[in-house]
Amino acid sequence: EQIEHPTLVVMKALYAGCAVAEQQRDHKRGSTLAELARTLSDQMADPLSHGIAEYTDGLVGLFDDDLTRARSGLERALAIFEPSENLRLVIETLTWLGLTYQLLDRDPFRA
């Protein structure tokens, strides 16, 4: 897929496509879209594009049961997203990150 001038709209479309692919258990497609998001974000100066790429990578990790990758990507995304400008993305990231932390916690007695 060749995209000459990536934009935030393209990045958001890649994130949405990746989320749908992963929920449908199409991990190959999800990974491909996450890689494309990473490649395109490297061509962009906007920090939000990098946050979206990290978030997308975290989702791939979560749905592919690579919880270390999920935690890492989601934590990096959270550090980039500004609550005053992207509250929805912050809330989504915190939700998925909370689930990731819960899945990483192997203590069966922790509430």
Protein backbone atom coordinates (compact mmCIF):
# COMPACT_ATOMS: atom_id res chain seq x y z
CA GLU A 1 0.00 0.00 0.00
CA GLN A 2 1.56 3.25 -1.18
CA ILE A 3 0.53 6.50 0.51
CA GLU A 4 2.55 9.50 -0.61
CA HIS A 5 1.29 12.13 1.84
CA PRO A 6 0.07 10.55 5.06
CA THR A 7 -2.37 12.56 7.16
CA LEU A 8 -4.00 12.12 10.56
CA VAL A 9 -7.14 10.96 8.76
CA VAL A 10 -5.12 8.15 7.17
CA MET A 11 -3.58 7.27 10.53
CA LYS A 12 -7.00 7.12 12.19
CA ALA A 13 -8.29 4.93 9.34
CA LEU A 14 -5.35 2.55 9.82
CA TYR A 15 -6.06 2.38 13.56
CA ALA A 16 -9.75 1.67 12.92
CA GLY A 17 -8.95 -0.97 10.31
CA CYS A 18 -6.46 -2.60 12.64
CA ALA A 19 -8.95 -2.65 15.51
CA VAL A 20 -11.59 -4.30 13.33
CA ALA A 21 -9.13 -6.83 11.91
CA GLU A 22 -7.89 -7.78 15.37
CA GLN A 23 -11.41 -8.15 16.75
CA GLN A 24 -12.13 -10.49 13.85
CA ARG A 25 -8.96 -12.42 14.75
CA ASP A 26 -7.26 -11.48 11.50
CA HIS A 27 -3.89 -10.95 13.16
CA LYS A 28 -1.99 -10.92 9.88
CA ARG A 29 -4.06 -7.98 8.58
CA GLY A 30 -3.89 -6.22 11.95
CA SER A 31 -0.10 -6.54 12.03
CA THR A 32 0.18 -5.31 8.44
CA LEU A 33 -1.88 -2.22 9.24
CA ALA A 34 0.10 -1.55 12.42
CA GLU A 35 3.37 -1.77 10.48
CA LEU A 36 2.02 0.62 7.86
CA ALA A 37 0.92 3.03 10.61
CA ARG A 38 4.44 2.92 12.07
CA THR A 39 6.05 3.53 8.68
CA LEU A 40 3.76 6.46 7.90
CA SER A 41 4.10 8.02 11.35
CA ASP A 42 7.86 8.09 10.81
CA GLN A 43 7.21 10.40 7.86
CA MET A 44 5.05 12.78 9.91
CA ALA A 45 5.97 15.51 12.37
CA ASP A 46 2.67 15.48 14.27
CA PRO A 47 3.13 13.68 17.63
CA LEU A 48 -0.47 12.45 17.47
CA SER A 49 0.42 10.31 14.44
CA HIS A 50 3.16 8.65 16.51
CA GLY A 51 0.71 8.10 19.37
CA ILE A 52 -1.78 6.47 17.02
CA ALA A 53 0.96 4.19 15.65
CA GLU A 54 1.96 3.17 19.19
CA TYR A 55 -1.68 2.63 20.16
CA THR A 56 -2.26 0.49 17.08
CA ASP A 57 0.83 -1.58 17.88
CA GLY A 58 -0.45 -2.04 21.43
CA LEU A 59 -3.80 -3.30 20.17
CA VAL A 60 -2.07 -5.85 17.94
CA GLY A 61 -0.08 -7.05 20.95
CA LEU A 62 -3.20 -7.32 23.10
CA PHE A 63 -5.27 -9.27 20.58
CA ASP A 64 -2.31 -11.44 19.59
CA ASP A 65 -1.68 -12.31 23.27
CA ASP A 66 1.68 -10.53 23.32
CA LEU A 67 0.97 -8.65 26.51
CA THR A 68 4.47 -7.19 26.81
CA ARG A 69 4.06 -5.62 23.37
CA ALA A 70 0.57 -4.44 24.31
CA ARG A 71 1.72 -2.78 27.52
CA SER A 72 4.70 -1.14 25.85
CA GLY A 73 2.74 0.26 22.91
CA LEU A 74 -0.17 1.46 25.01
CA GLU A 75 2.10 3.09 27.60
CA ARG A 76 4.02 4.91 24.85
CA ALA A 77 0.74 6.06 23.29
CA LEU A 78 -0.56 7.31 26.62
CA ALA A 79 2.59 9.38 27.10
CA ILE A 80 1.91 11.10 23.77
CA PHE A 81 -1.84 11.71 23.91
CA GLU A 82 -2.92 15.01 25.47
CA PRO A 83 -6.15 14.66 27.51
CA SER A 84 -7.20 18.22 26.69
CA GLU A 85 -7.04 17.49 22.96
CA ASN A 86 -7.68 13.75 22.67
CA LEU A 87 -9.72 12.69 25.67
CA ARG A 88 -11.38 9.83 23.79
CA LEU A 89 -8.01 8.34 22.83
CA VAL A 90 -6.73 8.74 26.39
CA ILE A 91 -9.79 6.95 27.81
CA GLU A 92 -9.58 4.16 25.22
CA THR A 93 -5.87 3.72 25.90
CA LEU A 94 -6.37 3.61 29.66
CA THR A 95 -9.15 1.04 29.24
CA TRP A 96 -7.02 -1.29 27.10
CA LEU A 97 -3.99 -0.67 29.31
CA GLY A 98 -6.01 -1.59 32.41
CA LEU A 99 -7.08 -4.83 30.76
CA THR A 100 -3.48 -5.52 29.77
CA TYR A 101 -2.27 -4.96 33.34
CA GLN A 102 -5.01 -7.26 34.61
CA LEU A 103 -4.03 -10.00 32.16
CA LEU A 104 -0.35 -9.62 33.08
CA ASP A 105 -1.15 -10.00 36.79
CA ARG A 106 -0.84 -13.71 37.49
CA ASP A 107 -1.86 -13.39 41.15
CA PRO A 108 -5.22 -15.23 41.33
CA PHE A 109 -6.06 -13.68 44.74
CA ARG A 110 -5.67 -10.03 43.74
CA ALA A 111 -9.00 -8.26 43.47
